[in-house]
Amino acid sequence: ISGELHETPLLIAQSLELMEQEINRIQTRDAYNLAESMKPEYVHDSVLRMKFLRGERFSARPAAQKFVNHFEMKRQLFGASKLVKDIEQDDLSEED
């Protein structure tokens, strides 16, 4: 395991900007685009995006890809109506 990252305001701001650039480079992002059209403030929420950046140790490209994939999986599993909300236990069916 490499050294600990120090989350400075500059690192956070730069990483969020790089992640946005990487998202824009992804060709296939239909579910992401749908979610963005439904509720842009949810899709652009920095707290949500930071979860993906932290998961990839602030590497913008893989974080962006996982973020876009996240919306595709949500659409497949829960339908388009759940794209822009946090999934809760009540959203699961008996089979889940």
N, C-alpha and C. Protein backbone atom coordinates (compact mmCIF):
# COMPACT_ATOMS: atom_id res chain seq x y z
N ILE A 1 0.86 -1.19 0.00
CA ILE A 1 0.00 0.00 0.00
C ILE A 1 0.89 1.23 0.00
N SER A 2 0.63 2.11 -0.93
CA SER A 2 1.44 3.32 -1.01
C SER A 2 1.02 4.33 0.05
N GLY A 3 1.73 5.43 0.10
CA GLY A 3 1.53 6.43 1.13
C GLY A 3 0.14 7.02 1.18
N GLU A 4 -0.14 7.62 2.29
CA GLU A 4 -1.44 8.24 2.54
C GLU A 4 -1.59 9.51 1.69
N LEU A 5 -2.77 9.70 1.15
CA LEU A 5 -3.07 10.92 0.40
C LEU A 5 -3.60 11.99 1.35
N HIS A 6 -3.13 13.20 1.16
CA HIS A 6 -3.64 14.32 1.95
C HIS A 6 -4.60 15.10 1.06
N GLU A 7 -5.85 15.11 1.45
CA GLU A 7 -6.90 15.75 0.64
C GLU A 7 -6.91 17.25 0.89
N THR A 8 -6.12 17.94 0.13
CA THR A 8 -6.10 19.39 0.23
C THR A 8 -7.22 19.96 -0.64
N PRO A 9 -7.65 21.17 -0.35
CA PRO A 9 -8.67 21.80 -1.20
C PRO A 9 -8.23 21.88 -2.67
N LEU A 10 -6.93 22.09 -2.92
CA LEU A 10 -6.43 22.16 -4.29
C LEU A 10 -6.53 20.79 -4.96
N LEU A 11 -6.13 19.73 -4.27
CA LEU A 11 -6.22 18.37 -4.82
C LEU A 11 -7.66 18.03 -5.16
N ILE A 12 -8.57 18.35 -4.26
CA ILE A 12 -9.98 18.06 -4.48
C ILE A 12 -10.51 18.81 -5.70
N ALA A 13 -10.24 20.11 -5.76
CA ALA A 13 -10.73 20.93 -6.88
C ALA A 13 -10.16 20.44 -8.21
N GLN A 14 -8.86 20.18 -8.25
CA GLN A 14 -8.23 19.71 -9.48
C GLN A 14 -8.77 18.35 -9.89
N SER A 15 -8.94 17.47 -8.93
CA SER A 15 -9.42 16.11 -9.23
C SER A 15 -10.85 16.13 -9.75
N LEU A 16 -11.70 16.97 -9.16
CA LEU A 16 -13.07 17.07 -9.64
C LEU A 16 -13.11 17.62 -11.07
N GLU A 17 -12.25 18.58 -11.36
CA GLU A 17 -12.20 19.14 -12.71
C GLU A 17 -11.68 18.10 -13.71
N LEU A 18 -10.64 17.37 -13.34
CA LEU A 18 -10.13 16.32 -14.22
C LEU A 18 -11.16 15.22 -14.43
N MET A 19 -11.89 14.88 -13.39
CA MET A 19 -12.92 13.86 -13.52
C MET A 19 -14.00 14.32 -14.51
N GLU A 20 -14.39 15.57 -14.42
CA GLU A 20 -15.39 16.11 -15.36
C GLU A 20 -14.87 16.01 -16.80
N GLN A 21 -13.61 16.35 -17.01
CA GLN A 21 -13.02 16.25 -18.34
C GLN A 21 -13.02 14.80 -18.84
N GLU A 22 -12.70 13.88 -17.96
CA GLU A 22 -12.68 12.47 -18.34
C GLU A 22 -14.08 11.95 -18.65
N ILE A 23 -15.07 12.38 -17.88
CA ILE A 23 -16.46 11.99 -18.15
C ILE A 23 -16.85 12.45 -19.55
N ASN A 24 -16.47 13.66 -19.89
CA ASN A 24 -16.81 14.20 -21.21
C ASN A 24 -16.13 13.46 -22.36
N ARG A 25 -15.04 12.76 -22.07
CA ARG A 25 -14.33 11.99 -23.10
C ARG A 25 -14.95 10.60 -23.33
N ILE A 26 -15.77 10.14 -22.40
CA ILE A 26 -16.36 8.81 -22.51
C ILE A 26 -17.45 8.85 -23.58
N GLN A 27 -17.34 7.98 -24.56
CA GLN A 27 -18.26 7.99 -25.70
C GLN A 27 -19.66 7.48 -25.34
N THR A 28 -19.72 6.35 -24.65
CA THR A 28 -21.00 5.73 -24.33
C THR A 28 -21.36 6.04 -22.89
N ARG A 29 -22.32 6.94 -22.72
CA ARG A 29 -22.75 7.32 -21.37
C ARG A 29 -24.23 7.68 -21.36
N ASP A 30 -25.02 6.81 -21.96
CA ASP A 30 -26.45 7.08 -22.10
C ASP A 30 -27.16 7.25 -20.77
N ALA A 31 -26.92 6.35 -19.82
CA ALA A 31 -27.59 6.44 -18.52
C ALA A 31 -27.13 7.68 -17.77
N TYR A 32 -25.85 7.99 -17.86
CA TYR A 32 -25.32 9.20 -17.24
C TYR A 32 -26.01 10.44 -17.83
N ASN A 33 -26.10 10.50 -19.14
CA ASN A 33 -26.74 11.64 -19.79
C ASN A 33 -28.21 11.75 -19.39
N LEU A 34 -28.89 10.62 -19.30
CA LEU A 34 -30.29 10.63 -18.87
C LEU A 34 -30.40 11.17 -17.45
N ALA A 35 -29.56 10.67 -16.56
CA ALA A 35 -29.58 11.14 -15.18
C ALA A 35 -29.29 12.64 -15.11
N GLU A 36 -28.34 13.08 -15.89
CA GLU A 36 -27.98 14.51 -15.90
C GLU A 36 -29.16 15.36 -16.38
N SER A 37 -29.90 14.85 -17.35
CA SER A 37 -31.05 15.61 -17.84
C SER A 37 -32.19 15.62 -16.83
N MET A 38 -32.27 14.58 -16.01
CA MET A 38 -33.34 14.48 -15.02
C MET A 38 -33.07 15.36 -13.80
N LYS A 39 -31.82 15.34 -13.33
CA LYS A 39 -31.50 16.08 -12.10
C LYS A 39 -30.00 16.39 -12.08
N PRO A 40 -29.59 17.45 -12.77
CA PRO A 40 -28.16 17.76 -12.88
C PRO A 40 -27.47 17.96 -11.54
N GLU A 41 -28.17 18.50 -10.57
CA GLU A 41 -27.52 18.73 -9.27
C GLU A 41 -27.14 17.42 -8.58
N TYR A 42 -27.84 16.35 -8.85
CA TYR A 42 -27.49 15.03 -8.30
C TYR A 42 -26.24 14.50 -8.99
N VAL A 43 -26.21 14.58 -10.30
CA VAL A 43 -25.09 14.04 -11.08
C VAL A 43 -23.80 14.83 -10.83
N HIS A 44 -23.93 16.13 -10.60
CA HIS A 44 -22.75 16.98 -10.41
C HIS A 44 -22.41 17.20 -8.94
N ASP A 45 -23.06 16.48 -8.05
CA ASP A 45 -22.80 16.63 -6.62
C ASP A 45 -21.37 16.22 -6.30
N SER A 46 -20.60 17.13 -5.73
CA SER A 46 -19.19 16.85 -5.47
C SER A 46 -19.01 15.76 -4.41
N VAL A 47 -19.92 15.64 -3.47
CA VAL A 47 -19.81 14.60 -2.45
C VAL A 47 -19.92 13.22 -3.09
N LEU A 48 -20.88 13.07 -4.01
CA LEU A 48 -21.03 11.80 -4.72
C LEU A 48 -19.80 11.51 -5.58
N ARG A 49 -19.32 12.48 -6.30
CA ARG A 49 -18.15 12.29 -7.16
C ARG A 49 -16.90 11.97 -6.35
N MET A 50 -16.78 12.58 -5.18
CA MET A 50 -15.61 12.32 -4.34
C MET A 50 -15.54 10.86 -3.90
N LYS A 51 -16.67 10.21 -3.75
CA LYS A 51 -16.66 8.79 -3.38
C LYS A 51 -15.93 7.97 -4.44
N PHE A 52 -16.14 8.31 -5.70
CA PHE A 52 -15.50 7.59 -6.80
C PHE A 52 -14.03 7.98 -6.91
N LEU A 53 -13.71 9.24 -6.69
CA LEU A 53 -12.31 9.66 -6.72
C LEU A 53 -11.52 9.00 -5.59
N ARG A 54 -12.08 8.98 -4.42
CA ARG A 54 -11.39 8.33 -3.30
C ARG A 54 -11.20 6.84 -3.56
N GLY A 55 -12.19 6.22 -4.13
CA GLY A 55 -12.11 4.80 -4.44
C GLY A 55 -11.00 4.47 -5.44
N GLU A 56 -10.61 5.45 -6.22
CA GLU A 56 -9.55 5.28 -7.21
C GLU A 56 -8.31 6.09 -6.84
N ARG A 57 -8.19 6.46 -5.58
CA ARG A 57 -7.05 7.23 -5.08
C ARG A 57 -6.77 8.46 -5.96
N PHE A 58 -7.85 9.15 -6.29
CA PHE A 58 -7.82 10.41 -7.03
C PHE A 58 -7.31 10.27 -8.46
N SER A 59 -7.43 9.10 -9.03
CA SER A 59 -7.10 8.90 -10.44
C SER A 59 -8.38 9.18 -11.23
N ALA A 60 -8.39 10.28 -11.97
CA ALA A 60 -9.61 10.79 -12.58
C ALA A 60 -10.21 9.86 -13.64
N ARG A 61 -9.38 9.28 -14.48
CA ARG A 61 -9.92 8.46 -15.58
C ARG A 61 -10.69 7.25 -15.06
N PRO A 62 -10.10 6.40 -14.20
CA PRO A 62 -10.89 5.26 -13.71
C PRO A 62 -12.08 5.68 -12.85
N ALA A 63 -11.94 6.78 -12.12
CA ALA A 63 -13.07 7.27 -11.32
C ALA A 63 -14.22 7.68 -12.22
N ALA A 64 -13.90 8.36 -13.31
CA ALA A 64 -14.93 8.80 -14.26
C ALA A 64 -15.62 7.60 -14.90
N GLN A 65 -14.85 6.60 -15.28
CA GLN A 65 -15.44 5.42 -15.92
C GLN A 65 -16.36 4.69 -14.94
N LYS A 66 -15.92 4.55 -13.70
CA LYS A 66 -16.77 3.87 -12.70
C LYS A 66 -18.02 4.69 -12.41
N PHE A 67 -17.89 5.99 -12.42
CA PHE A 67 -19.04 6.88 -12.17
C PHE A 67 -20.08 6.70 -13.28
N VAL A 68 -19.63 6.70 -14.52
CA VAL A 68 -20.54 6.50 -15.65
C VAL A 68 -21.15 5.10 -15.60
N ASN A 69 -20.33 4.09 -15.29
CA ASN A 69 -20.83 2.72 -15.17
C ASN A 69 -21.85 2.59 -14.04
N HIS A 70 -21.65 3.35 -12.98
CA HIS A 70 -22.57 3.36 -11.85
C HIS A 70 -24.00 3.67 -12.30
N PHE A 71 -24.13 4.68 -13.15
CA PHE A 71 -25.47 5.06 -13.62
C PHE A 71 -26.06 4.00 -14.54
N GLU A 72 -25.22 3.37 -15.34
CA GLU A 72 -25.71 2.30 -16.21
C GLU A 72 -26.22 1.13 -15.37
N MET A 73 -25.49 0.75 -14.35
CA MET A 73 -25.91 -0.35 -13.49
C MET A 73 -27.19 0.00 -12.72
N LYS A 74 -27.28 1.23 -12.24
CA LYS A 74 -28.51 1.65 -11.55
C LYS A 74 -29.71 1.55 -12.47
N ARG A 75 -29.54 1.97 -13.71
CA ARG A 75 -30.65 1.90 -14.66
C ARG A 75 -31.03 0.44 -14.93
N GLN A 76 -30.04 -0.43 -15.09
CA GLN A 76 -30.32 -1.84 -15.36
C GLN A 76 -31.00 -2.52 -14.16
N LEU A 77 -30.53 -2.21 -12.98
CA LEU A 77 -31.03 -2.90 -11.78
C LEU A 77 -32.34 -2.32 -11.25
N PHE A 78 -32.49 -0.99 -11.32
CA PHE A 78 -33.62 -0.34 -10.65
C PHE A 78 -34.52 0.48 -11.57
N GLY A 79 -34.12 0.65 -12.82
CA GLY A 79 -34.93 1.42 -13.75
C GLY A 79 -34.53 2.89 -13.77
N ALA A 80 -34.92 3.55 -14.82
CA ALA A 80 -34.55 4.95 -15.04
C ALA A 80 -35.08 5.87 -13.94
N SER A 81 -36.22 5.56 -13.37
CA SER A 81 -36.80 6.44 -12.36
C SER A 81 -35.95 6.54 -11.10
N LYS A 82 -35.06 5.57 -10.87
CA LYS A 82 -34.22 5.57 -9.66
C LYS A 82 -32.82 6.11 -9.92
N LEU A 83 -32.54 6.56 -11.14
CA LEU A 83 -31.19 7.02 -11.48
C LEU A 83 -30.69 8.16 -10.61
N VAL A 84 -31.57 9.04 -10.22
CA VAL A 84 -31.13 10.25 -9.53
C VAL A 84 -31.55 10.27 -8.07
N LYS A 85 -31.56 9.09 -7.47
CA LYS A 85 -31.81 9.02 -6.03
C LYS A 85 -30.92 7.94 -5.45
N ASP A 86 -30.62 8.09 -4.18
CA ASP A 86 -29.85 7.07 -3.49
C ASP A 86 -30.75 5.86 -3.29
N ILE A 87 -30.22 4.69 -3.56
CA ILE A 87 -30.99 3.46 -3.42
C ILE A 87 -31.06 3.09 -1.94
N GLU A 88 -32.27 2.79 -1.49
CA GLU A 88 -32.51 2.41 -0.10
C GLU A 88 -33.13 1.02 -0.06
N GLN A 89 -33.21 0.46 1.11
CA GLN A 89 -33.74 -0.89 1.26
C GLN A 89 -35.15 -1.00 0.68
N ASP A 90 -35.95 0.01 0.81
CA ASP A 90 -37.31 0.00 0.27
C ASP A 90 -37.35 -0.10 -1.25
N ASP A 91 -36.23 0.24 -1.90
CA ASP A 91 -36.16 0.15 -3.36
C ASP A 91 -35.92 -1.26 -3.85
N LEU A 92 -35.58 -2.18 -2.96
CA LEU A 92 -35.29 -3.55 -3.34
C LEU A 92 -36.54 -4.39 -3.34
N SER A 93 -36.58 -5.36 -4.24
CA SER A 93 -37.72 -6.26 -4.30
C SER A 93 -37.44 -7.48 -3.42
N GLU A 94 -38.42 -8.34 -3.29
CA GLU A 94 -38.24 -9.56 -2.49
C GLU A 94 -37.13 -10.44 -3.06
N GLU A 95 -36.97 -10.47 -4.38
CA GLU A 95 -35.94 -11.29 -5.01
C GLU A 95 -34.53 -10.76 -4.75
N ASP A 96 -34.42 -9.45 -4.49
CA ASP A 96 -33.10 -8.85 -4.26
C ASP A 96 -32.57 -9.29 -2.91
